């Protein structure tokens, strides 16, 4: 792997935090910066990828495919949606529910 050098000028406060995080993670500052740059590039490339895919998309065709989904196929065991019961809200300043009839 070919390596290159680059003089990076960080604000002093940023460098202090970078050193703290690198120490906590047990890696060198250089390694932390390499990983941070790689993560940022990955995020940007992913955004570009989905933008390109969206530009090639055909909404009418996608809707037609979705209309056909499941037609002629009966549900099989496991297709059910889990029933989620809404949580009850706690009342009062402490967040505890009061029993009826008590204060």
PDB file of N, CA and C in Angstrom:
ATOM      1  N   UNK A   1       0.848  -1.175   0.000  1.00  0.00           N
ATOM      2  CA  UNK A   1       0.000   0.000   0.000  1.00  0.00           C
ATOM      3  C   UNK A   1       0.890   1.234   0.000  1.00  0.00           C
ATOM      4  N   UNK A   2       0.649   2.096  -0.935  1.00  0.00           N
ATOM      5  CA  UNK A   2       1.417   3.328  -1.024  1.00  0.00           C
ATOM      6  C   UNK A   2       0.851   4.334  -0.033  1.00  0.00           C
ATOM      7  N   UNK A   3       1.735   4.999   0.678  1.00  0.00           N
ATOM      8  CA  UNK A   3       1.310   6.002   1.650  1.00  0.00           C
ATOM      9  C   UNK A   3       1.767   7.370   1.190  1.00  0.00           C
ATOM     10  N   UNK A   4       1.028   8.384   1.590  1.00  0.00           N
ATOM     11  CA  UNK A   4       1.418   9.747   1.263  1.00  0.00           C
ATOM     12  C   UNK A   4       1.303  10.600   2.517  1.00  0.00           C
ATOM     13  N   UNK A   5       2.048  11.681   2.526  1.00  0.00           N
ATOM     14  CA  UNK A   5       2.021  12.606   3.648  1.00  0.00           C
ATOM     15  C   UNK A   5       1.226  13.835   3.274  1.00  0.00           C
ATOM     16  N   UNK A   6       0.543  14.379   4.269  1.00  0.00           N
ATOM     17  CA  UNK A   6      -0.230  15.583   4.059  1.00  0.00           C
ATOM     18  C   UNK A   6      -0.175  16.378   5.352  1.00  0.00           C
ATOM     19  N   UNK A   7       0.252  17.614   5.273  1.00  0.00           N
ATOM     20  CA  UNK A   7       0.294  18.465   6.459  1.00  0.00           C
ATOM     21  C   UNK A   7      -1.119  18.950   6.755  1.00  0.00           C
ATOM     22  N   UNK A   8      -1.653  18.495   7.850  1.00  0.00           N
ATOM     23  CA  UNK A   8      -3.018  18.843   8.225  1.00  0.00           C
ATOM     24  C   UNK A   8      -2.981  19.849   9.360  1.00  0.00           C
ATOM     25  N   UNK A   9      -3.610  20.980   9.163  1.00  0.00           N
ATOM     26  CA  UNK A   9      -3.649  21.996  10.201  1.00  0.00           C
ATOM     27  C   UNK A   9      -5.042  21.982  10.821  1.00  0.00           C
ATOM     28  N   UNK A  10      -5.088  21.581  12.072  1.00  0.00           N
ATOM     29  CA  UNK A  10      -6.347  21.547  12.809  1.00  0.00           C
ATOM     30  C   UNK A  10      -6.358  22.660  13.840  1.00  0.00           C
ATOM     31  N   UNK A  11      -7.538  23.130  14.154  1.00  0.00           N
ATOM     32  CA  UNK A  11      -7.663  24.091  15.244  1.00  0.00           C
ATOM     33  C   UNK A  11      -7.205  23.403  16.519  1.00  0.00           C
ATOM     34  N   UNK A  12      -6.544  24.142  17.413  1.00  0.00           N
ATOM     35  CA  UNK A  12      -6.025  23.520  18.647  1.00  0.00           C
ATOM     36  C   UNK A  12      -7.092  22.752  19.424  1.00  0.00           C
ATOM     37  N   UNK A  13      -8.308  23.301  19.531  1.00  0.00           N
ATOM     38  CA  UNK A  13      -9.363  22.613  20.281  1.00  0.00           C
ATOM     39  C   UNK A  13      -9.745  21.297  19.609  1.00  0.00           C
ATOM     40  N   UNK A  14      -9.737  21.282  18.287  1.00  0.00           N
ATOM     41  CA  UNK A  14     -10.050  20.061  17.551  1.00  0.00           C
ATOM     42  C   UNK A  14      -8.957  19.012  17.758  1.00  0.00           C
ATOM     43  N   UNK A  15      -7.725  19.462  17.787  1.00  0.00           N
ATOM     44  CA  UNK A  15      -6.609  18.531  17.988  1.00  0.00           C
ATOM     45  C   UNK A  15      -6.650  17.922  19.381  1.00  0.00           C
ATOM     46  N   UNK A  16      -7.015  18.733  20.374  1.00  0.00           N
ATOM     47  CA  UNK A  16      -7.126  18.226  21.752  1.00  0.00           C
ATOM     48  C   UNK A  16      -8.184  17.126  21.802  1.00  0.00           C
ATOM     49  N   UNK A  17      -9.347  17.385  21.214  1.00  0.00           N
ATOM     50  CA  UNK A  17     -10.424  16.390  21.207  1.00  0.00           C
ATOM     51  C   UNK A  17     -10.026  15.151  20.405  1.00  0.00           C
ATOM     52  N   UNK A  18      -9.329  15.349  19.301  1.00  0.00           N
ATOM     53  CA  UNK A  18      -8.876  14.221  18.480  1.00  0.00           C
ATOM     54  C   UNK A  18      -7.955  13.319  19.282  1.00  0.00           C
ATOM     55  N   UNK A  19      -7.040  13.923  20.007  1.00  0.00           N
ATOM     56  CA  UNK A  19      -6.121  13.126  20.842  1.00  0.00           C
ATOM     57  C   UNK A  19      -6.876  12.359  21.921  1.00  0.00           C
ATOM     58  N   UNK A  20      -7.876  13.010  22.542  1.00  0.00           N
ATOM     59  CA  UNK A  20      -8.666  12.343  23.586  1.00  0.00           C
ATOM     60  C   UNK A  20      -9.387  11.118  23.028  1.00  0.00           C
ATOM     61  N   UNK A  21     -10.032  11.312  21.874  1.00  0.00           N
ATOM     62  CA  UNK A  21     -10.794  10.211  21.274  1.00  0.00           C
ATOM     63  C   UNK A  21      -9.861   9.088  20.833  1.00  0.00           C
ATOM     64  N   UNK A  22      -8.741   9.445  20.228  1.00  0.00           N
ATOM     65  CA  UNK A  22      -7.784   8.430  19.783  1.00  0.00           C
ATOM     66  C   UNK A  22      -7.292   7.616  20.965  1.00  0.00           C
ATOM     67  N   UNK A  23      -6.993   8.292  22.059  1.00  0.00           N
ATOM     68  CA  UNK A  23      -6.515   7.585  23.256  1.00  0.00           C
ATOM     69  C   UNK A  23      -7.603   6.657  23.801  1.00  0.00           C
ATOM     70  N   UNK A  24      -8.842   7.173  23.855  1.00  0.00           N
ATOM     71  CA  UNK A  24      -9.958   6.357  24.357  1.00  0.00           C
ATOM     72  C   UNK A  24     -10.198   5.139  23.475  1.00  0.00           C
ATOM     73  N   UNK A  25      -9.995   5.291  22.166  1.00  0.00           N
ATOM     74  CA  UNK A  25     -10.198   4.197  21.222  1.00  0.00           C
ATOM     75  C   UNK A  25      -8.988   3.272  21.130  1.00  0.00           C
ATOM     76  N   UNK A  26      -7.862   3.717  21.691  1.00  0.00           N
ATOM     77  CA  UNK A  26      -6.654   2.895  21.666  1.00  0.00           C
ATOM     78  C   UNK A  26      -5.985   2.869  20.293  1.00  0.00           C
ATOM     79  N   UNK A  27      -6.100   3.966  19.554  1.00  0.00           N
ATOM     80  CA  UNK A  27      -5.483   4.041  18.237  1.00  0.00           C
ATOM     81  C   UNK A  27      -4.648   5.323  18.151  1.00  0.00           C
ATOM     82  N   UNK A  28      -3.784   5.371  17.152  1.00  0.00           N
ATOM     83  CA  UNK A  28      -2.994   6.570  16.918  1.00  0.00           C
ATOM     84  C   UNK A  28      -3.880   7.652  16.308  1.00  0.00           C
ATOM     85  N   UNK A  29      -3.497   8.903  16.521  1.00  0.00           N
ATOM     86  CA  UNK A  29      -4.238  10.027  15.938  1.00  0.00           C
ATOM     87  C   UNK A  29      -4.315   9.867  14.429  1.00  0.00           C
ATOM     88  N   UNK A  30      -3.220   9.453  13.809  1.00  0.00           N
ATOM     89  CA  UNK A  30      -3.198   9.264  12.360  1.00  0.00           C
ATOM     90  C   UNK A  30      -4.260   8.247  11.917  1.00  0.00           C
ATOM     91  N   UNK A  31      -4.352   7.144  12.656  1.00  0.00           N
ATOM     92  CA  UNK A  31      -5.330   6.114  12.325  1.00  0.00           C
ATOM     93  C   UNK A  31      -6.753   6.644  12.485  1.00  0.00           C
ATOM     94  N   UNK A  32      -7.002   7.398  13.547  1.00  0.00           N
ATOM     95  CA  UNK A  32      -8.328   7.962  13.780  1.00  0.00           C
ATOM     96  C   UNK A  32      -8.723   8.898  12.636  1.00  0.00           C
ATOM     97  N   UNK A  33      -7.781   9.730  12.209  1.00  0.00           N
ATOM     98  CA  UNK A  33      -8.075  10.656  11.112  1.00  0.00           C
ATOM     99  C   UNK A  33      -8.319   9.887   9.814  1.00  0.00           C
ATOM    100  N   UNK A  34      -7.543   8.839   9.563  1.00  0.00           N
ATOM    101  CA  UNK A  34      -7.756   8.022   8.368  1.00  0.00           C
ATOM    102  C   UNK A  34      -9.156   7.408   8.357  1.00  0.00           C
ATOM    103  N   UNK A  35      -9.568   6.876   9.494  1.00  0.00           N
ATOM    104  CA  UNK A  35     -10.891   6.255   9.587  1.00  0.00           C
ATOM    105  C   UNK A  35     -11.988   7.306   9.415  1.00  0.00           C
ATOM    106  N   UNK A  36     -11.794   8.482  10.004  1.00  0.00           N
ATOM    107  CA  UNK A  36     -12.791   9.545   9.890  1.00  0.00           C
ATOM    108  C   UNK A  36     -12.952   9.989   8.435  1.00  0.00           C
ATOM    109  N   UNK A  37     -11.844  10.134   7.731  1.00  0.00           N
ATOM    110  CA  UNK A  37     -11.911  10.527   6.322  1.00  0.00           C
ATOM    111  C   UNK A  37     -12.586   9.426   5.500  1.00  0.00           C
ATOM    112  N   UNK A  38     -12.246   8.169   5.780  1.00  0.00           N
ATOM    113  CA  UNK A  38     -12.852   7.054   5.050  1.00  0.00           C
ATOM    114  C   UNK A  38     -14.364   7.010   5.274  1.00  0.00           C
ATOM    115  N   UNK A  39     -14.805   7.229   6.516  1.00  0.00           N
ATOM    116  CA  UNK A  39     -16.240   7.232   6.811  1.00  0.00           C
ATOM    117  C   UNK A  39     -16.951   8.360   6.074  1.00  0.00           C
ATOM    118  N   UNK A  40     -16.348   9.531   6.037  1.00  0.00           N
ATOM    119  CA  UNK A  40     -16.966  10.665   5.347  1.00  0.00           C
ATOM    120  C   UNK A  40     -17.066  10.396   3.847  1.00  0.00           C
ATOM    121  N   UNK A  41     -15.993   9.870   3.263  1.00  0.00           N
ATOM    122  CA  UNK A  41     -16.023   9.545   1.833  1.00  0.00           C
ATOM    123  C   UNK A  41     -17.085   8.501   1.528  1.00  0.00           C
ATOM    124  N   UNK A  42     -17.196   7.516   2.392  1.00  0.00           N
ATOM    125  CA  UNK A  42     -18.200   6.470   2.205  1.00  0.00           C
ATOM    126  C   UNK A  42     -19.607   7.061   2.223  1.00  0.00           C
ATOM    127  N   UNK A  43     -19.865   7.960   3.169  1.00  0.00           N
ATOM    128  CA  UNK A  43     -21.183   8.590   3.259  1.00  0.00           C
ATOM    129  C   UNK A  43     -21.481   9.404   1.999  1.00  0.00           C
ATOM    130  N   UNK A  44     -20.499  10.150   1.518  1.00  0.00           N
ATOM    131  CA  UNK A  44     -20.708  10.953   0.314  1.00  0.00           C
ATOM    132  C   UNK A  44     -20.924  10.081  -0.917  1.00  0.00           C
ATOM    133  N   UNK A  45     -20.159   9.013  -1.028  1.00  0.00           N
ATOM    134  CA  UNK A  45     -20.315   8.106  -2.176  1.00  0.00           C
ATOM    135  C   UNK A  45     -21.675   7.416  -2.140  1.00  0.00           C
ATOM    136  N   UNK A  46     -22.122   7.059  -0.950  1.00  0.00           N
ATOM    137  CA  UNK A  46     -23.422   6.409  -0.820  1.00  0.00           C
ATOM    138  C   UNK A  46     -24.523   7.351  -1.268  1.00  0.00           C
ATOM    139  N   UNK A  47     -24.425   8.612  -0.877  1.00  0.00           N
ATOM    140  CA  UNK A  47     -25.412   9.607  -1.290  1.00  0.00           C
ATOM    141  C   UNK A  47     -25.422   9.739  -2.812  1.00  0.00           C
ATOM    142  N   UNK A  48     -24.241   9.788  -3.423  1.00  0.00           N
ATOM    143  CA  UNK A  48     -24.142   9.875  -4.885  1.00  0.00           C
ATOM    144  C   UNK A  48     -24.754   8.643  -5.551  1.00  0.00           C
ATOM    145  N   UNK A  49     -24.477   7.473  -4.981  1.00  0.00           N
ATOM    146  CA  UNK A  49     -24.984   6.219  -5.536  1.00  0.00           C
ATOM    147  C   UNK A  49     -26.510   6.229  -5.589  1.00  0.00           C
ATOM    148  N   UNK A  50     -27.140   6.606  -4.464  1.00  0.00           N
ATOM    149  CA  UNK A  50     -28.597   6.607  -4.440  1.00  0.00           C
ATOM    150  C   UNK A  50     -29.181   7.698  -5.324  1.00  0.00           C
ATOM    151  N   UNK A  51     -28.491   8.821  -5.442  1.00  0.00           N
ATOM    152  CA  UNK A  51     -28.968   9.876  -6.340  1.00  0.00           C
ATOM    153  C   UNK A  51     -28.938   9.387  -7.787  1.00  0.00           C
ATOM    154  N   UNK A  52     -27.871   8.678  -8.175  1.00  0.00           N
ATOM    155  CA  UNK A  52     -27.788   8.125  -9.529  1.00  0.00           C
ATOM    156  C   UNK A  52     -28.878   7.093  -9.770  1.00  0.00           C
ATOM    157  N   UNK A  53     -29.102   6.219  -8.774  1.00  0.00           N
ATOM    158  CA  UNK A  53     -30.150   5.203  -8.914  1.00  0.00           C
ATOM    159  C   UNK A  53     -31.522   5.845  -9.037  1.00  0.00           C
ATOM    160  N   UNK A  54     -31.770   6.871  -8.237  1.00  0.00           N
ATOM    161  CA  UNK A  54     -33.064   7.546  -8.275  1.00  0.00           C
ATOM    162  C   UNK A  54     -33.293   8.207  -9.634  1.00  0.00           C
ATOM    163  N   UNK A  55     -32.244   8.744 -10.216  1.00  0.00           N
ATOM    164  CA  UNK A  55     -32.368   9.397 -11.520  1.00  0.00           C
ATOM    165  C   UNK A  55     -32.743   8.395 -12.608  1.00  0.00           C
ATOM    166  N   UNK A  56     -32.330   7.140 -12.457  1.00  0.00           N
ATOM    167  CA  UNK A  56     -32.645   6.114 -13.452  1.00  0.00           C
ATOM    168  C   UNK A  56     -33.988   5.439 -13.187  1.00  0.00           C
ATOM    169  N   UNK A  57     -34.593   5.740 -12.055  1.00  0.00           N
ATOM    170  CA  UNK A  57     -35.821   5.063 -11.656  1.00  0.00           C
ATOM    171  C   UNK A  57     -37.016   5.439 -12.503  1.00  0.00           C
ATOM    172  N   UNK A  58     -37.962   4.528 -12.580  1.00  0.00           N
ATOM    173  CA  UNK A  58     -39.198   4.740 -13.333  1.00  0.00           C
ATOM    174  C   UNK A  58     -40.353   4.541 -12.360  1.00  0.00           C
ATOM    175  N   UNK A  59     -40.935   5.635 -11.895  1.00  0.00           N
ATOM    176  CA  UNK A  59     -41.979   5.578 -10.873  1.00  0.00           C
ATOM    177  C   UNK A  59     -43.190   4.794 -11.354  1.00  0.00           C
ATOM    178  N   UNK A  60     -43.611   5.003 -12.584  1.00  0.00           N
ATOM    179  CA  UNK A  60     -44.778   4.291 -13.119  1.00  0.00           C
ATOM    180  C   UNK A  60     -44.550   2.792 -13.104  1.00  0.00           C
ATOM    181  N   UNK A  61     -43.382   2.363 -13.527  1.00  0.00           N
ATOM    182  CA  UNK A  61     -43.057   0.928 -13.541  1.00  0.00           C
ATOM    183  C   UNK A  61     -43.001   0.370 -12.116  1.00  0.00           C
ATOM    184  N   UNK A  62     -42.404   1.127 -11.200  1.00  0.00           N
ATOM    185  CA  UNK A  62     -42.316   0.672  -9.809  1.00  0.00           C
ATOM    186  C   UNK A  62     -43.703   0.510  -9.207  1.00  0.00           C
ATOM    187  N   UNK A  63     -44.596   1.455  -9.461  1.00  0.00           N
ATOM    188  CA  UNK A  63     -45.961   1.351  -8.938  1.00  0.00           C
ATOM    189  C   UNK A  63     -46.689   0.156  -9.532  1.00  0.00           C
ATOM    190  N   UNK A  64     -46.448  -0.131 -10.805  1.00  0.00           N
ATOM    191  CA  UNK A  64     -47.066  -1.298 -11.445  1.00  0.00           C
ATOM    192  C   UNK A  64     -46.583  -2.589 -10.772  1.00  0.00           C
ATOM    193  N   UNK A  65     -45.311  -2.663 -10.483  1.00  0.00           N
ATOM    194  CA  UNK A  65     -44.757  -3.847  -9.804  1.00  0.00           C
ATOM    195  C   UNK A  65     -45.374  -3.990  -8.422  1.00  0.00           C
ATOM    196  N   UNK A  66     -45.503  -2.889  -7.690  1.00  0.00           N
ATOM    197  CA  UNK A  66     -46.086  -2.945  -6.348  1.00  0.00           C
ATOM    198  C   UNK A  66     -47.552  -3.357  -6.373  1.00  0.00           C
ATOM    199  N   UNK A  67     -48.276  -2.965  -7.412  1.00  0.00           N
ATOM    200  CA  UNK A  67     -49.682  -3.369  -7.537  1.00  0.00           C
ATOM    201  C   UNK A  67     -49.807  -4.877  -7.689  1.00  0.00           C
ATOM    202  N   UNK A  68     -48.841  -5.515  -8.342  1.00  0.00           N
ATOM    203  CA  UNK A  68     -48.876  -6.960  -8.566  1.00  0.00           C
ATOM    204  C   UNK A  68     -48.371  -7.750  -7.363  1.00  0.00           C
ATOM    205  N   UNK A  69     -47.703  -7.097  -6.444  1.00  0.00           N
ATOM    206  CA  UNK A  69     -47.077  -7.804  -5.319  1.00  0.00           C
ATOM    207  C   UNK A  69     -48.123  -8.584  -4.525  1.00  0.00           C
ATOM    208  N   UNK A  70     -47.891  -9.835  -4.376  1.00  0.00           N
ATOM    209  CA  UNK A  70     -48.756 -10.681  -3.574  1.00  0.00           C
ATOM    210  C   UNK A  70     -50.008 -11.166  -4.263  1.00  0.00           C
ATOM    211  N   UNK A  71     -50.278 -10.717  -5.469  1.00  0.00           N
ATOM    212  CA  UNK A  71     -51.492 -11.140  -6.176  1.00  0.00           C
ATOM    213  C   UNK A  71     -51.396 -12.633  -6.458  1.00  0.00           C
ATOM    214  N   UNK A  72     -52.420 -13.369  -6.031  1.00  0.00           N
ATOM    215  CA  UNK A  72     -52.463 -14.812  -6.260  1.00  0.00           C
ATOM    216  C   UNK A  72     -51.711 -15.619  -5.208  1.00  0.00           C
ATOM    217  N   UNK A  73     -51.088 -14.970  -4.251  1.00  0.00           N
ATOM    218  CA  UNK A  73     -50.368 -15.673  -3.183  1.00  0.00           C
ATOM    219  C   UNK A  73     -51.085 -15.439  -1.862  1.00  0.00           C
ATOM    220  N   UNK A  74     -51.555 -16.525  -1.284  1.00  0.00           N
ATOM    221  CA  UNK A  74     -52.215 -16.422   0.008  1.00  0.00           C
ATOM    222  C   UNK A  74     -51.149 -16.208   1.078  1.00  0.00           C
ATOM    223  N   UNK A  75     -51.493 -15.501   2.154  1.00  0.00           N
ATOM    224  CA  UNK A  75     -50.529 -15.327   3.245  1.00  0.00           C
ATOM    225  C   UNK A  75     -50.118 -16.676   3.817  1.00  0.00           C
ATOM    226  N   UNK A  76     -48.875 -16.782   4.227  1.00  0.00           N
ATOM    227  CA  UNK A  76     -48.380 -18.003   4.860  1.00  0.00           C
ATOM    228  C   UNK A  76     -48.069 -17.690   6.315  1.00  0.00           C
ATOM    229  N   UNK A  77     -48.027 -18.718   7.166  1.00  0.00           N
ATOM    230  CA  UNK A  77     -47.717 -18.463   8.575  1.00  0.00           C
ATOM    231  C   UNK A  77     -46.402 -17.688   8.697  1.00  0.00           C
ATOM    232  N   UNK A  78     -46.452 -16.633   9.517  1.00  0.00           N
ATOM    233  CA  UNK A  78     -45.290 -15.776   9.691  1.00  0.00           C
ATOM    234  C   UNK A  78     -45.430 -14.452   8.966  1.00  0.00           C
ATOM    235  N   UNK A  79     -46.436 -14.344   8.098  1.00  0.00           N
ATOM    236  CA  UNK A  79     -46.665 -13.102   7.373  1.00  0.00           C
ATOM    237  C   UNK A  79     -47.392 -12.054   8.225  1.00  0.00           C
ATOM    238  N   UNK A  80     -47.886 -12.480   9.381  1.00  0.00           N
ATOM    239  CA  UNK A  80     -48.665 -11.558  10.202  1.00  0.00           C
ATOM    240  C   UNK A  80     -47.772 -10.432  10.730  1.00  0.00           C
ATOM    241  N   UNK A  81     -48.394  -9.270  10.916  1.00  0.00           N
ATOM    242  CA  UNK A  81     -47.694  -8.159  11.546  1.00  0.00           C
ATOM    243  C   UNK A  81     -47.837  -8.300  13.055  1.00  0.00           C
ATOM    244  N   UNK A  82     -46.782  -7.992  13.761  1.00  0.00           N
ATOM    245  CA  UNK A  82     -46.845  -8.038  15.222  1.00  0.00           C
ATOM    246  C   UNK A  82     -47.774  -6.938  15.702  1.00  0.00           C
ATOM    247  N   UNK A  83     -48.603  -7.267  16.675  1.00  0.00           N
ATOM    248  CA  UNK A  83     -49.517  -6.279  17.234  1.00  0.00           C
ATOM    249  C   UNK A  83     -48.788  -5.578  18.370  1.00  0.00           C
ATOM    250  N   UNK A  84     -48.656  -4.279  18.235  1.00  0.00           N
ATOM    251  CA  UNK A  84     -47.974  -3.501  19.268  1.00  0.00           C
ATOM    252  C   UNK A  84     -49.022  -2.716  20.031  1.00  0.00           C
ATOM    253  N   UNK A  85     -48.984  -2.865  21.322  1.00  0.00           N
ATOM    254  CA  UNK A  85     -49.929  -2.123  22.151  1.00  0.00           C
ATOM    255  C   UNK A  85     -49.293  -0.795  22.542  1.00  0.00           C
ATOM    256  N   UNK A  86     -50.086   0.285  22.480  1.00  0.00           N
ATOM    257  CA  UNK A  86     -49.521   1.588  22.854  1.00  0.00           C
ATOM    258  C   UNK A  86     -49.175   1.615  24.337  1.00  0.00           C
ATOM    259  N   UNK A  87     -48.074   2.273  24.651  1.00  0.00           N
ATOM    260  CA  UNK A  87     -47.674   2.401  26.054  1.00  0.00           C
ATOM    261  C   UNK A  87     -48.568   3.406  26.752  1.00  0.00           C
ATOM    262  N   UNK A  88     -48.823   3.139  28.012  1.00  0.00           N
ATOM    263  CA  UNK A  88     -49.591   4.093  28.799  1.00  0.00           C
ATOM    264  C   UNK A  88     -48.654   5.183  29.270  1.00  0.00           C
ATOM    265  N   UNK A  89     -49.158   6.384  29.258  1.00  0.00           N
ATOM    266  CA  UNK A  89     -48.343   7.510  29.706  1.00  0.00           C
ATOM    267  C   UNK A  89     -48.395   7.622  31.221  1.00  0.00           C
ATOM    268  N   UNK A  90     -47.254   7.907  31.793  1.00  0.00           N
ATOM    269  CA  UNK A  90     -47.201   8.144  33.230  1.00  0.00           C
ATOM    270  C   UNK A  90     -47.692   9.557  33.498  1.00  0.00           C
ATOM    271  N   UNK A  91     -48.329   9.763  34.648  1.00  0.00           N
ATOM    272  CA  UNK A  91     -48.801  11.096  34.983  1.00  0.00           C
ATOM    273  C   UNK A  91     -48.123  11.561  36.259  1.00  0.00           C
ATOM    274  N   UNK A  92     -48.149  12.834  36.462  1.00  0.00           N
ATOM    275  CA  UNK A  92     -47.528  13.392  37.658  1.00  0.00           C
ATOM    276  C   UNK A  92     -46.100  13.812  37.391  1.00  0.00           C
ATOM    277  N   UNK A  93     -45.568  14.709  38.229  1.00  0.00           N
ATOM    278  CA  UNK A  93     -44.236  15.251  37.990  1.00  0.00           C
ATOM    279  C   UNK A  93     -43.123  14.222  38.133  1.00  0.00           C
ATOM    280  N   UNK A  94     -43.307  13.199  38.941  1.00  0.00           N
ATOM    281  CA  UNK A  94     -42.249  12.207  39.122  1.00  0.00           C
ATOM    282  C   UNK A  94     -42.268  11.143  38.034  1.00  0.00           C
ATOM    283  N   UNK A  95     -43.295  11.152  37.192  1.00  0.00           N
ATOM    284  CA  UNK A  95     -43.380  10.170  36.136  1.00  0.00           C
ATOM    285  C   UNK A  95     -44.039   8.872  36.584  1.00  0.00           C
ATOM    286  N   UNK A  96     -44.452   8.802  37.845  1.00  0.00           N
ATOM    287  CA  UNK A  96     -45.108   7.589  38.349  1.00  0.00           C
ATOM    288  C   UNK A  96     -46.615   7.747  38.209  1.00  0.00           C
ATOM    289  N   UNK A  97     -47.262   6.639  37.897  1.00  0.00           N
ATOM    290  CA  UNK A  97     -48.717   6.676  37.811  1.00  0.00           C
ATOM    291  C   UNK A  97     -49.310   6.661  39.209  1.00  0.00           C
ATOM    292  N   UNK A  98     -50.352   7.418  39.333  1.00  0.00           N
ATOM    293  CA  UNK A  98     -51.051   7.437  40.634  1.00  0.00           C
ATOM    294  C   UNK A  98     -52.130   6.364  40.633  1.00  0.00           C
ATOM    295  N   UNK A  99     -52.315   5.782  41.779  1.00  0.00           N
ATOM    296  CA  UNK A  99     -53.430   4.858  41.926  1.00  0.00           C
ATOM    297  C   UNK A  99     -54.701   5.668  42.137  1.00  0.00           C
ATOM    298  N   UNK A 100     -55.769   5.162  41.613  1.00  0.00           N
ATOM    299  CA  UNK A 100     -57.029   5.909  41.782  1.00  0.00           C
ATOM    300  C   UNK A 100     -57.419   5.909  43.234  1.00  0.00           C
ATOM    301  N   UNK A 101     -57.858   7.075  43.703  1.00  0.00           N
ATOM    302  CA  UNK A 101     -58.324   7.190  45.083  1.00  0.00           C
ATOM    303  C   UNK A 101     -57.220   7.547  46.060  1.00  0.00           C
ATOM    304  N   UNK A 102     -55.954   7.639  45.644  1.00  0.00           N
ATOM    305  CA  UNK A 102     -54.893   7.998  46.587  1.00  0.00           C
ATOM    306  C   UNK A 102     -54.210   9.256  46.116  1.00  0.00           C
ATOM    307  N   UNK A 103     -53.547   9.907  47.034  1.00  0.00           N
ATOM    308  CA  UNK A 103     -52.825  11.133  46.673  1.00  0.00           C
ATOM    309  C   UNK A 103     -51.420  11.070  47.120  1.00  0.00           C
TER     310      UNK A 103
END
